[in-house]
PDB file of N, CA and C in Angstrom:
ATOM      1  N   MET A   1       1.023  -1.221   0.105  1.00  0.00           N
ATOM      2  CA  MET A   1      -0.382   0.433   0.121  1.00  0.00           C
ATOM      3  C   MET A   1       0.941   1.260  -0.041  1.00  0.00           C
ATOM      4  N   SER A   2       1.789   1.190   0.612  1.00  0.00           N
ATOM      5  CA  SER A   2       2.632   2.444   0.889  1.00  0.00           C
ATOM      6  C   SER A   2       3.404   2.898  -0.612  1.00  0.00           C
ATOM      7  N   HIS A   3       3.593   1.737  -1.254  1.00  0.00           N
ATOM      8  CA  HIS A   3       4.145   1.997  -2.622  1.00  0.00           C
ATOM      9  C   HIS A   3       3.410   2.648  -3.634  1.00  0.00           C
ATOM     10  N   ARG A   4       1.844   2.357  -3.638  1.00  0.00           N
ATOM     11  CA  ARG A   4       0.970   3.003  -4.267  1.00  0.00           C
ATOM     12  C   ARG A   4       0.766   4.286  -3.974  1.00  0.00           C
ATOM     13  N   ILE A   5       0.819   4.646  -2.790  1.00  0.00           N
ATOM     14  CA  ILE A   5       0.982   5.934  -2.256  1.00  0.00           C
ATOM     15  C   ILE A   5       1.835   6.958  -3.077  1.00  0.00           C
ATOM     16  N   ARG A   6       3.161   6.259  -2.866  1.00  0.00           N
ATOM     17  CA  ARG A   6       4.289   6.844  -3.326  1.00  0.00           C
ATOM     18  C   ARG A   6       4.096   7.211  -4.561  1.00  0.00           C
ATOM     19  N   ILE A   7       3.997   6.241  -5.504  1.00  0.00           N
ATOM     20  CA  ILE A   7       3.430   6.177  -7.187  1.00  0.00           C
ATOM     21  C   ILE A   7       2.687   7.334  -7.397  1.00  0.00           C
ATOM     22  N   TRP A   8       1.606   7.346  -6.497  1.00  0.00           N
ATOM     23  CA  TRP A   8       0.380   8.410  -6.859  1.00  0.00           C
ATOM     24  C   TRP A   8       1.035   9.515  -6.320  1.00  0.00           C
ATOM     25  N   GLY A   9       1.644   9.852  -5.579  1.00  0.00           N
ATOM     26  CA  GLY A   9       2.428  11.126  -4.978  1.00  0.00           C
ATOM     27  C   GLY A   9       3.586  11.535  -6.298  1.00  0.00           C
ATOM     28  N   ILE A  10       4.075  10.707  -6.536  1.00  0.00           N
ATOM     29  CA  ILE A  10       5.240  11.038  -7.525  1.00  0.00           C
ATOM     30  C   ILE A  10       4.324  11.392  -8.966  1.00  0.00           C
ATOM     31  N   PHE A  11       3.059  10.606  -9.427  1.00  0.00           N
ATOM     32  CA  PHE A  11       2.607  11.030 -10.580  1.00  0.00           C
ATOM     33  C   PHE A  11       1.853  12.188 -10.577  1.00  0.00           C
ATOM     34  N   LEU A  12       1.216  12.660  -9.472  1.00  0.00           N
ATOM     35  CA  LEU A  12       0.626  13.983  -9.162  1.00  0.00           C
ATOM     36  C   LEU A  12       1.248  15.114  -9.267  1.00  0.00           C
ATOM     37  N   ALA A  13       2.896  14.886  -8.653  1.00  0.00           N
ATOM     38  CA  ALA A  13       4.001  15.774  -8.796  1.00  0.00           C
ATOM     39  C   ALA A  13       4.207  16.272 -10.099  1.00  0.00           C
ATOM     40  N   GLY A  14       4.441  15.263 -11.051  1.00  0.00           N
ATOM     41  CA  GLY A  14       4.912  15.121 -12.111  1.00  0.00           C
ATOM     42  C   GLY A  14       3.626  15.959 -13.448  1.00  0.00           C
ATOM     43  N   MET A  15       2.458  15.435 -12.948  1.00  0.00           N
ATOM     44  CA  MET A  15       1.314  16.090 -13.616  1.00  0.00           C
ATOM     45  C   MET A  15       1.414  17.660 -13.433  1.00  0.00           C
ATOM     46  N   GLY A  16       1.591  18.041 -12.193  1.00  0.00           N
ATOM     47  CA  GLY A  16       1.426  19.167 -11.552  1.00  0.00           C
ATOM     48  C   GLY A  16       2.698  20.186 -12.308  1.00  0.00           C
ATOM     49  N   PHE A  17       4.110  19.565 -12.573  1.00  0.00           N
ATOM     50  CA  PHE A  17       5.096  20.236 -12.865  1.00  0.00           C
ATOM     51  C   PHE A  17       4.719  20.046 -14.578  1.00  0.00           C
ATOM     52  N   LEU A  18       4.165  19.211 -15.065  1.00  0.00           N
ATOM     53  CA  LEU A  18       3.881  19.395 -16.665  1.00  0.00           C
ATOM     54  C   LEU A  18       2.761  20.505 -16.885  1.00  0.00           C
ATOM     55  N   TRP A  19       1.839  20.668 -15.715  1.00  0.00           N
ATOM     56  CA  TRP A  19       0.855  21.730 -16.041  1.00  0.00           C
ATOM     57  C   TRP A  19       1.319  23.086 -15.851  1.00  0.00           C
ATOM     58  N   LEU A  20       2.641  23.250 -15.172  1.00  0.00           N
ATOM     59  CA  LEU A  20       2.931  24.434 -14.808  1.00  0.00           C
ATOM     60  C   LEU A  20       4.043  24.629 -15.960  1.00  0.00           C
ATOM     61  N   ALA A  21       4.808  23.647 -16.453  1.00  0.00           N
ATOM     62  CA  ALA A  21       5.483  23.959 -17.636  1.00  0.00           C
ATOM     63  C   ALA A  21       4.928  24.517 -18.832  1.00  0.00           C
ATOM     64  N   PHE A  22       3.561  24.211 -19.199  1.00  0.00           N
ATOM     65  CA  PHE A  22       2.981  24.852 -20.425  1.00  0.00           C
ATOM     66  C   PHE A  22       2.138  26.034 -20.145  1.00  0.00           C
ATOM     67  N   GLN A  23       2.304  26.447 -19.015  1.00  0.00           N
ATOM     68  CA  GLN A  23       1.540  27.703 -18.997  1.00  0.00           C
ATOM     69  C   GLN A  23       2.159  28.660 -19.693  1.00  0.00           C
ATOM     70  N   VAL A  24       1.254  29.903 -20.115  1.00  0.00           N
ATOM     71  CA  VAL A  24       1.612  31.078 -20.952  1.00  0.00           C
ATOM     72  C   VAL A  24       1.732  31.945 -19.813  1.00  0.00           C
ATOM     73  N   PRO A  25       3.083  32.596 -19.755  1.00  0.00           N
ATOM     74  CA  PRO A  25       3.522  33.547 -18.738  1.00  0.00           C
ATOM     75  C   PRO A  25       2.372  34.727 -18.999  1.00  0.00           C
ATOM     76  N   VAL A  26       1.985  35.426 -18.052  1.00  0.00           N
ATOM     77  CA  VAL A  26       1.313  36.624 -18.337  1.00  0.00           C
ATOM     78  C   VAL A  26       2.079  37.976 -18.045  1.00  0.00           C
ATOM     79  N   TYR A  27       2.545  38.797 -18.803  1.00  0.00           N
ATOM     80  CA  TYR A  27       3.328  40.181 -18.477  1.00  0.00           C
ATOM     81  C   TYR A  27       2.518  41.227 -18.371  1.00  0.00           C
ATOM     82  N   THR A  28       3.067  41.990 -17.610  1.00  0.00           N
ATOM     83  CA  THR A  28       2.434  43.401 -17.398  1.00  0.00           C
ATOM     84  C   THR A  28       3.000  44.381 -18.219  1.00  0.00           C
ATOM     85  N   PRO A  29       2.393  45.432 -18.650  1.00  0.00           N
ATOM     86  CA  PRO A  29       3.057  46.156 -19.757  1.00  0.00           C
ATOM     87  C   PRO A  29       4.430  46.503 -19.015  1.00  0.00           C
ATOM     88  N   LEU A  30       4.759  47.115 -18.352  1.00  0.00           N
ATOM     89  CA  LEU A  30       6.129  47.383 -17.639  1.00  0.00           C
ATOM     90  C   LEU A  30       7.005  46.205 -17.902  1.00  0.00           C
ATOM     91  N   VAL A  31       6.882  45.090 -16.903  1.00  0.00           N
ATOM     92  CA  VAL A  31       7.412  44.016 -17.691  1.00  0.00           C
ATOM     93  C   VAL A  31       7.984  43.879 -19.103  1.00  0.00           C
ATOM     94  N   GLU A  32       6.822  43.791 -20.286  1.00  0.00           N
ATOM     95  CA  GLU A  32       6.763  43.787 -21.414  1.00  0.00           C
ATOM     96  C   GLU A  32       7.732  44.746 -22.058  1.00  0.00           C
ATOM     97  N   LYS A  33       7.692  46.168 -21.657  1.00  0.00           N
ATOM     98  CA  LYS A  33       8.497  47.498 -22.217  1.00  0.00           C
ATOM     99  C   LYS A  33       9.977  47.004 -21.666  1.00  0.00           C
ATOM    100  N   GLU A  34      10.316  46.584 -20.424  1.00  0.00           N
ATOM    101  CA  GLU A  34      11.540  46.173 -19.821  1.00  0.00           C
ATOM    102  C   GLU A  34      12.377  45.287 -20.677  1.00  0.00           C
ATOM    103  N   LEU A  35      11.453  44.102 -21.103  1.00  0.00           N
ATOM    104  CA  LEU A  35      12.026  42.962 -21.964  1.00  0.00           C
ATOM    105  C   LEU A  35      12.018  43.318 -23.532  1.00  0.00           C
ATOM    106  N   LYS A  36      11.552  44.155 -23.845  1.00  0.00           N
ATOM    107  CA  LYS A  36      11.719  44.781 -25.238  1.00  0.00           C
ATOM    108  C   LYS A  36      12.827  45.532 -25.557  1.00  0.00           C
ATOM    109  N   ALA A  37      13.413  46.064 -24.223  1.00  0.00           N
ATOM    110  CA  ALA A  37      14.384  47.214 -24.243  1.00  0.00           C
ATOM    111  C   ALA A  37      15.490  46.077 -24.136  1.00  0.00           C
ATOM    112  N   LYS A  38      15.623  45.025 -23.293  1.00  0.00           N
ATOM    113  CA  LYS A  38      16.692  44.288 -23.253  1.00  0.00           C
ATOM    114  C   LYS A  38      16.859  43.654 -24.261  1.00  0.00           C
ATOM    115  N   LEU A  39      15.647  43.234 -24.897  1.00  0.00           N
ATOM    116  CA  LEU A  39      15.832  42.554 -26.267  1.00  0.00           C
ATOM    117  C   LEU A  39      16.546  43.077 -27.315  1.00  0.00           C
ATOM    118  N   GLU A  40      16.072  44.494 -27.566  1.00  0.00           N
ATOM    119  CA  GLU A  40      16.889  45.668 -28.258  1.00  0.00           C
ATOM    120  C   GLU A  40      18.297  45.837 -27.928  1.00  0.00           C
ATOM    121  N   LYS A  41      18.905  45.840 -26.806  1.00  0.00           N
ATOM    122  CA  LYS A  41      19.998  45.936 -26.381  1.00  0.00           C
ATOM    123  C   LYS A  41      20.438  45.001 -26.789  1.00  0.00           C
ATOM    124  N   TYR A  42      20.218  43.642 -26.715  1.00  0.00           N
ATOM    125  CA  TYR A  42      20.907  42.428 -27.132  1.00  0.00           C
ATOM    126  C   TYR A  42      21.269  42.582 -28.722  1.00  0.00           C
ATOM    127  N   ARG A  43      20.143  42.622 -29.293  1.00  0.00           N
ATOM    128  CA  ARG A  43      20.351  42.675 -30.643  1.00  0.00           C
ATOM    129  C   ARG A  43      21.376  43.736 -30.967  1.00  0.00           C
ATOM    130  N   SER A  44      21.068  44.961 -30.545  1.00  0.00           N
ATOM    131  CA  SER A  44      22.115  45.889 -31.233  1.00  0.00           C
ATOM    132  C   SER A  44      23.736  45.574 -30.540  1.00  0.00           C
ATOM    133  N   ASP A  45      23.747  44.905 -29.439  1.00  0.00           N
ATOM    134  CA  ASP A  45      25.057  44.513 -29.060  1.00  0.00           C
ATOM    135  C   ASP A  45      25.589  43.561 -30.155  1.00  0.00           C
ATOM    136  N   GLN A  46      24.930  42.520 -30.373  1.00  0.00           N
ATOM    137  CA  GLN A  46      25.392  41.602 -31.267  1.00  0.00           C
ATOM    138  C   GLN A  46      25.551  41.930 -32.868  1.00  0.00           C
ATOM    139  N   TRP A  47      24.312  43.041 -33.027  1.00  0.00           N
ATOM    140  CA  TRP A  47      24.936  43.705 -34.478  1.00  0.00           C
ATOM    141  C   TRP A  47      26.322  44.177 -34.272  1.00  0.00           C
ATOM    142  N   GLU A  48      26.606  44.872 -33.460  1.00  0.00           N
ATOM    143  CA  GLU A  48      27.689  45.846 -33.664  1.00  0.00           C
ATOM    144  C   GLU A  48      29.296  44.931 -33.244  1.00  0.00           C
ATOM    145  N   SER A  49      28.926  43.987 -32.527  1.00  0.00           N
ATOM    146  CA  SER A  49      29.854  42.611 -32.741  1.00  0.00           C
ATOM    147  C   SER A  49      30.216  42.087 -33.716  1.00  0.00           C
ATOM    148  N   CYS A  50      29.084  41.730 -34.619  1.00  0.00           N
ATOM    149  CA  CYS A  50      29.243  41.072 -35.911  1.00  0.00           C
ATOM    150  C   CYS A  50      29.724  41.982 -36.780  1.00  0.00           C
ATOM    151  N   LYS A  51      29.283  43.266 -36.966  1.00  0.00           N
ATOM    152  CA  LYS A  51      29.897  44.022 -37.613  1.00  0.00           C
ATOM    153  C   LYS A  51      31.634  44.334 -37.578  1.00  0.00           C
ATOM    154  N   LYS A  52      31.746  44.469 -36.292  1.00  0.00           N
ATOM    155  CA  LYS A  52      33.239  44.533 -35.888  1.00  0.00           C
ATOM    156  C   LYS A  52      34.125  42.909 -36.525  1.00  0.00           C
ATOM    157  N   ARG A  53      33.437  42.063 -36.142  1.00  0.00           N
ATOM    158  CA  ARG A  53      34.201  40.702 -36.456  1.00  0.00           C
ATOM    159  C   ARG A  53      34.581  41.005 -38.292  1.00  0.00           C
ATOM    160  N   ALA A  54      33.412  41.575 -38.853  1.00  0.00           N
ATOM    161  CA  ALA A  54      33.345  41.702 -40.142  1.00  0.00           C
ATOM    162  C   ALA A  54      34.470  42.461 -40.759  1.00  0.00           C
ATOM    163  N   ARG A  55      34.551  43.492 -40.089  1.00  0.00           N
ATOM    164  CA  ARG A  55      35.484  44.586 -40.559  1.00  0.00           C
ATOM    165  C   ARG A  55      36.760  44.028 -40.356  1.00  0.00           C
ATOM    166  N   GLU A  56      37.150  43.351 -39.271  1.00  0.00           N
ATOM    167  CA  GLU A  56      38.461  42.878 -38.793  1.00  0.00           C
ATOM    168  C   GLU A  56      38.718  41.541 -39.890  1.00  0.00           C
ATOM    169  N   GLN A  57      37.993  41.036 -40.113  1.00  0.00           N
ATOM    170  CA  GLN A  57      38.179  39.890 -41.106  1.00  0.00           C
ATOM    171  C   GLN A  57      38.541  40.612 -42.334  1.00  0.00           C
ATOM    172  N   ALA A  58      37.512  41.276 -42.774  1.00  0.00           N
ATOM    173  CA  ALA A  58      37.810  41.897 -44.112  1.00  0.00           C
ATOM    174  C   ALA A  58      39.159  42.908 -44.270  1.00  0.00           C
ATOM    175  N   SER A  59      39.854  43.430 -42.974  1.00  0.00           N
ATOM    176  CA  SER A  59      41.003  44.179 -42.801  1.00  0.00           C
ATOM    177  C   SER A  59      42.024  43.185 -43.134  1.00  0.00           C
ATOM    178  N   HIS A  60      41.586  41.760 -42.255  1.00  0.00           N
ATOM    179  CA  HIS A  60      42.918  40.823 -42.714  1.00  0.00           C
ATOM    180  C   HIS A  60      43.054  40.498 -44.101  1.00  0.00           C
ATOM    181  N   GLU A  61      41.807  40.238 -44.493  1.00  0.00           N
ATOM    182  CA  GLU A  61      41.842  39.594 -46.377  1.00  0.00           C
ATOM    183  C   GLU A  61      42.526  40.719 -47.132  1.00  0.00           C
ATOM    184  N   VAL A  62      42.356  41.868 -46.996  1.00  0.00           N
ATOM    185  CA  VAL A  62      42.601  43.053 -47.793  1.00  0.00           C
ATOM    186  C   VAL A  62      44.301  42.949 -47.456  1.00  0.00           C
ATOM    187  N   ASP A  63      44.622  43.064 -46.196  1.00  0.00           N
ATOM    188  CA  ASP A  63      46.095  43.168 -46.063  1.00  0.00           C
ATOM    189  C   ASP A  63      47.033  42.037 -46.555  1.00  0.00           C
ATOM    190  N   SER A  64      46.177  40.668 -46.518  1.00  0.00           N
ATOM    191  CA  SER A  64      46.786  39.701 -47.212  1.00  0.00           C
ATOM    192  C   SER A  64      46.794  39.497 -48.940  1.00  0.00           C
ATOM    193  N   MET A  65      45.803  40.320 -49.314  1.00  0.00           N
ATOM    194  CA  MET A  65      46.017  40.459 -50.776  1.00  0.00           C
ATOM    195  C   MET A  65      46.766  41.380 -51.195  1.00  0.00           C
ATOM    196  N   ILE A  66      47.050  42.511 -50.409  1.00  0.00           N
ATOM    197  CA  ILE A  66      48.099  43.879 -50.456  1.00  0.00           C
ATOM    198  C   ILE A  66      49.387  43.002 -50.513  1.00  0.00           C
ATOM    199  N   ILE A  67      49.725  42.436 -49.682  1.00  0.00           N
ATOM    200  CA  ILE A  67      50.777  41.763 -49.579  1.00  0.00           C
ATOM    201  C   ILE A  67      51.497  40.701 -50.654  1.00  0.00           C
ATOM    202  N   ALA A  68      50.341  39.935 -50.974  1.00  0.00           N
ATOM    203  CA  ALA A  68      50.578  38.957 -51.973  1.00  0.00           C
ATOM    204  C   ALA A  68      50.530  39.854 -53.364  1.00  0.00           C
ATOM    205  N   TRP A  69      50.306  40.698 -53.652  1.00  0.00           N
ATOM    206  CA  TRP A  69      50.146  41.783 -54.971  1.00  0.00           C
ATOM    207  C   TRP A  69      51.540  42.416 -54.884  1.00  0.00           C
ATOM    208  N   ALA A  70      51.846  42.579 -53.640  1.00  0.00           N
ATOM    209  CA  ALA A  70      53.261  43.283 -53.600  1.00  0.00           C
ATOM    210  C   ALA A  70      54.575  42.415 -53.921  1.00  0.00           C
ATOM    211  N   LYS A  71      54.363  41.297 -53.349  1.00  0.00           N
ATOM    212  CA  LYS A  71      55.447  39.881 -53.725  1.00  0.00           C
ATOM    213  C   LYS A  71      55.296  39.730 -55.005  1.00  0.00           C
ATOM    214  N   ALA A  72      54.175  39.964 -55.879  1.00  0.00           N
ATOM    215  CA  ALA A  72      54.431  39.274 -57.050  1.00  0.00           C
ATOM    216  C   ALA A  72      54.708  40.389 -57.997  1.00  0.00           C
ATOM    217  N   ASN A  73      54.544  41.364 -57.947  1.00  0.00           N
ATOM    218  CA  ASN A  73      54.988  42.638 -58.901  1.00  0.00           C
ATOM    219  C   ASN A  73      56.149  43.273 -58.014  1.00  0.00           C
ATOM    220  N   ARG A  74      57.170  42.556 -57.730  1.00  0.00           N
ATOM    221  CA  ARG A  74      58.236  43.029 -56.827  1.00  0.00           C
ATOM    222  C   ARG A  74      59.041  43.651 -58.246  1.00  0.00           C
ATOM    223  N   ASP A  75      59.683  44.397 -57.957  1.00  0.00           N
ATOM    224  CA  ASP A  75      60.617  45.294 -59.088  1.00  0.00           C
ATOM    225  C   ASP A  75      61.829  44.126 -59.205  1.00  0.00           C
ATOM    226  N   THR A  76      61.983  43.577 -60.584  1.00  0.00           N
ATOM    227  CA  THR A  76      62.987  42.519 -60.554  1.00  0.00           C
ATOM    228  C   THR A  76      64.396  43.055 -61.592  1.00  0.00           C
ATOM    229  N   ILE A  77      64.321  44.437 -61.452  1.00  0.00           N
ATOM    230  CA  ILE A  77      65.695  44.966 -61.875  1.00  0.00           C
ATOM    231  C   ILE A  77      66.582  45.130 -60.961  1.00  0.00           C
ATOM    232  N   SER A  78      67.623  44.266 -61.416  1.00  0.00           N
ATOM    233  CA  SER A  78      69.021  44.348 -60.315  1.00  0.00           C
ATOM    234  C   SER A  78      69.440  45.380 -60.007  1.00  0.00           C
ATOM    235  N   ARG A  79      69.690  45.948 -58.808  1.00  0.00           N
ATOM    236  CA  ARG A  79      70.597  46.962 -58.456  1.00  0.00           C
ATOM    237  C   ARG A  79      71.958  47.147 -59.037  1.00  0.00           C
ATOM    238  N   PRO A  80      72.337  48.529 -59.367  1.00  0.00           N
ATOM    239  CA  PRO A  80      73.501  48.199 -59.957  1.00  0.00           C
ATOM    240  C   PRO A  80      74.716  48.023 -58.952  1.00  0.00           C
ATOM    241  N   VAL A  81      76.044  47.492 -59.403  1.00  0.00           N
ATOM    242  CA  VAL A  81      76.855  47.394 -58.752  1.00  0.00           C
ATOM    243  C   VAL A  81      77.652  48.509 -57.810  1.00  0.00           C
ATOM    244  N   LYS A  82      77.947  48.165 -56.750  1.00  0.00           N
ATOM    245  CA  LYS A  82      78.765  49.090 -55.896  1.00  0.00           C
ATOM    246  C   LYS A  82      79.946  49.766 -56.570  1.00  0.00           C
ATOM    247  N   PRO A  83      80.336  51.031 -56.697  1.00  0.00           N
ATOM    248  CA  PRO A  83      81.638  51.549 -57.099  1.00  0.00           C
ATOM    249  C   PRO A  83      82.732  51.195 -56.181  1.00  0.00           C
ATOM    250  N   ASP A  84      83.816  50.785 -57.054  1.00  0.00           N
ATOM    251  CA  ASP A  84      84.968  50.569 -56.216  1.00  0.00           C
ATOM    252  C   ASP A  84      85.616  51.770 -55.354  1.00  0.00           C
ATOM    253  N   LYS A  85      86.108  51.503 -54.491  1.00  0.00           N
ATOM    254  CA  LYS A  85      86.783  52.720 -53.674  1.00  0.00           C
ATOM    255  C   LYS A  85      87.721  53.354 -54.534  1.00  0.00           C
ATOM    256  N   PRO A  86      87.649  54.866 -54.448  1.00  0.00           N
ATOM    257  CA  PRO A  86      88.850  55.473 -55.041  1.00  0.00           C
ATOM    258  C   PRO A  86      90.190  55.110 -54.692  1.00  0.00           C
ATOM    259  N   LEU A  87      91.391  55.035 -55.350  1.00  0.00           N
ATOM    260  CA  LEU A  87      92.755  55.106 -54.780  1.00  0.00           C
ATOM    261  C   LEU A  87      92.978  55.962 -53.756  1.00  0.00           C
ATOM    262  N   ALA A  88      93.737  55.650 -52.852  1.00  0.00           N
ATOM    263  CA  ALA A  88      94.412  56.567 -52.190  1.00  0.00           C
ATOM    264  C   ALA A  88      95.210  57.510 -52.565  1.00  0.00           C
ATOM    265  N   PRO A  89      94.889  58.783 -52.427  1.00  0.00           N
ATOM    266  CA  PRO A  89      95.877  60.045 -52.968  1.00  0.00           C
ATOM    267  C   PRO A  89      97.254  59.490 -52.433  1.00  0.00           C
ATOM    268  N   GLU A  90      98.398  59.975 -53.107  1.00  0.00           N
ATOM    269  CA  GLU A  90      99.660  59.788 -53.109  1.00  0.00           C
ATOM    270  C   GLU A  90     100.118  60.913 -51.940  1.00  0.00           C
ATOM    271  N   ILE A  91     100.978  60.383 -50.773  1.00  0.00           N
ATOM    272  CA  ILE A  91     101.181  61.168 -50.036  1.00  0.00           C
ATOM    273  C   ILE A  91     102.733  61.714 -50.303  1.00  0.00           C
ATOM    274  N   LEU A  92     102.566  63.218 -50.158  1.00  0.00           N
ATOM    275  CA  LEU A  92     104.217  63.728 -50.704  1.00  0.00           C
ATOM    276  C   LEU A  92     104.409  64.632 -49.474  1.00  0.00           C
ATOM    277  N   ASN A  93     105.623  64.180 -49.463  1.00  0.00           N
ATOM    278  CA  ASN A  93     106.482  64.650 -48.064  1.00  0.00           C
ATOM    279  C   ASN A  93     106.507  66.084 -48.087  1.00  0.00           C
ATOM    280  N   PRO A  94     106.839  66.716 -46.963  1.00  0.00           N
ATOM    281  CA  PRO A  94     106.984  68.174 -47.317  1.00  0.00           C
ATOM    282  C   PRO A  94     108.369  68.321 -47.620  1.00  0.00           C
ATOM    283  N   GLN A  95     108.832  69.652 -48.278  1.00  0.00           N
ATOM    284  CA  GLN A  95     110.145  69.734 -48.779  1.00  0.00           C
ATOM    285  C   GLN A  95     110.472  70.824 -47.655  1.00  0.00           C
ATOM    286  N   ASP A  96     111.256  70.406 -46.530  1.00  0.00           N
ATOM    287  CA  ASP A  96     112.043  71.161 -45.934  1.00  0.00           C
ATOM    288  C   ASP A  96     113.435  71.462 -45.906  1.00  0.00           C
ATOM    289  N   SER A  97     113.894  72.672 -46.056  1.00  0.00           N
ATOM    290  CA  SER A  97     115.325  72.674 -46.416  1.00  0.00           C
ATOM    291  C   SER A  97     115.957  73.140 -45.347  1.00  0.00           C
ATOM    292  N   THR A  98     115.622  73.292 -44.130  1.00  0.00           N
ATOM    293  CA  THR A  98     116.449  73.474 -42.887  1.00  0.00           C
ATOM    294  C   THR A  98     117.394  72.348 -42.464  1.00  0.00           C
ATOM    295  N   PRO A  99     118.562  72.719 -42.323  1.00  0.00           N
ATOM    296  CA  PRO A  99     119.433  71.189 -41.821  1.00  0.00           C
ATOM    297  C   PRO A  99     118.866  70.976 -40.313  1.00  0.00           C
ATOM    298  N   ILE A 100     119.168  69.727 -40.375  1.00  0.00           N
ATOM    299  CA  ILE A 100     119.070  69.018 -38.810  1.00  0.00           C
ATOM    300  C   ILE A 100     119.865  69.639 -37.780  1.00  0.00           C
ATOM    301  N   ALA A 101     119.494  70.171 -36.835  1.00  0.00           N
ATOM    302  CA  ALA A 101     120.520  70.598 -35.703  1.00  0.00           C
ATOM    303  C   ALA A 101     119.910  70.179 -34.487  1.00  0.00           C
ATOM    304  N   PRO A 102     120.501  70.449 -33.270  1.00  0.00           N
ATOM    305  CA  PRO A 102     120.008  70.101 -32.138  1.00  0.00           C
ATOM    306  C   PRO A 102     119.173  71.198 -31.462  1.00  0.00           C
ATOM    307  N   LEU A 103     118.399  70.862 -30.791  1.00  0.00           N
ATOM    308  CA  LEU A 103     116.915  71.968 -30.515  1.00  0.00           C
ATOM    309  C   LEU A 103     117.846  72.995 -29.346  1.00  0.00           C
ATOM    310  N   PHE A 104     118.673  72.477 -28.486  1.00  0.00           N
ATOM    311  CA  PHE A 104     118.993  73.528 -27.776  1.00  0.00           C
ATOM    312  C   PHE A 104     120.532  73.789 -27.470  1.00  0.00           C
ATOM    313  N   ASN A 105     121.147  73.406 -28.726  1.00  0.00           N
ATOM    314  CA  ASN A 105     122.582  73.552 -29.511  1.00  0.00           C
ATOM    315  C   ASN A 105     123.665  73.212 -28.435  1.00  0.00           C
ATOM    316  N   GLY A 106     123.435  72.114 -27.691  1.00  0.00           N
ATOM    317  CA  GLY A 106     124.538  71.490 -27.023  1.00  0.00           C
ATOM    318  C   GLY A 106     124.317  71.715 -25.305  1.00  0.00           C
ATOM    319  N   GLN A 107     123.394  72.566 -24.817  1.00  0.00           N
ATOM    320  CA  GLN A 107     123.111  72.915 -23.675  1.00  0.00           C
ATOM    321  C   GLN A 107     122.480  71.663 -23.051  1.00  0.00           C
ATOM    322  N   ASP A 108     122.976  71.117 -21.696  1.00  0.00           N
ATOM    323  CA  ASP A 108     122.078  70.096 -20.838  1.00  0.00           C
ATOM    324  C   ASP A 108     120.948  70.786 -20.105  1.00  0.00           C
ATOM    325  N   THR A 109     120.173  70.462 -20.299  1.00  0.00           N
ATOM    326  CA  THR A 109     118.873  71.152 -19.442  1.00  0.00           C
ATOM    327  C   THR A 109     118.239  70.141 -18.724  1.00  0.00           C
ATOM    328  N   THR A 110     119.030  69.567 -17.624  1.00  0.00           N
ATOM    329  CA  THR A 110     118.301  68.747 -16.781  1.00  0.00           C
ATOM    330  C   THR A 110     118.363  69.774 -15.825  1.00  0.00           C
ATOM    331  N   LYS A 111     117.237  68.900 -14.448  1.00  0.00           N
ATOM    332  CA  LYS A 111     116.720  69.502 -13.445  1.00  0.00           C
ATOM    333  C   LYS A 111     117.844  70.434 -12.673  1.00  0.00           C
ATOM    334  N   GLU A 112     118.881  69.487 -12.490  1.00  0.00           N
ATOM    335  CA  GLU A 112     119.733  70.142 -11.543  1.00  0.00           C
ATOM    336  C   GLU A 112     120.462  71.407 -12.127  1.00  0.00           C
ATOM    337  N   GLN A 113     120.536  71.452 -13.401  1.00  0.00           N
ATOM    338  CA  GLN A 113     121.250  72.646 -14.043  1.00  0.00           C
ATOM    339  C   GLN A 113     120.161  74.231 -13.842  1.00  0.00           C
ATOM    340  N   ILE A 114     118.676  73.717 -13.795  1.00  0.00           N
ATOM    341  CA  ILE A 114     117.930  74.518 -13.736  1.00  0.00           C
ATOM    342  C   ILE A 114     117.902  75.279 -12.492  1.00  0.00           C
ATOM    343  N   LEU A 115     118.167  74.413 -11.521  1.00  0.00           N
ATOM    344  CA  LEU A 115     117.837  74.955 -10.129  1.00  0.00           C
ATOM    345  C   LEU A 115     118.987  75.701  -9.577  1.00  0.00           C
ATOM    346  N   GLU A 116     120.019  75.577 -10.141  1.00  0.00           N
ATOM    347  CA  GLU A 116     121.080  76.276  -9.962  1.00  0.00           C
ATOM    348  C   GLU A 116     121.409  77.597 -10.175  1.00  0.00           C
TER     349      GLU A 116
END
């Protein structure tokens, strides 16, 4: 007998949950207004996010195409060869006609002589 009561209790609880599940919610005008505002904000946020992703993807695609075009149309003319370095100029020694002579004409300029 206790099993029957338990089974009937579970059955009635299940029927009650099903009845509540298929009830159409009744919204007040204020709740409907708030719900519409939230839905509109969600839709606009999703639309902006979609546009942003589309712009980023388009930018990536365009960048890739420009890079591929630049690589394909690269200038194939070779650069001119570097010119050779110029030769070093000839070093000309100065022509000095003065004879070589001692600087102090034989005088000893040590410290002891200067202090005397």
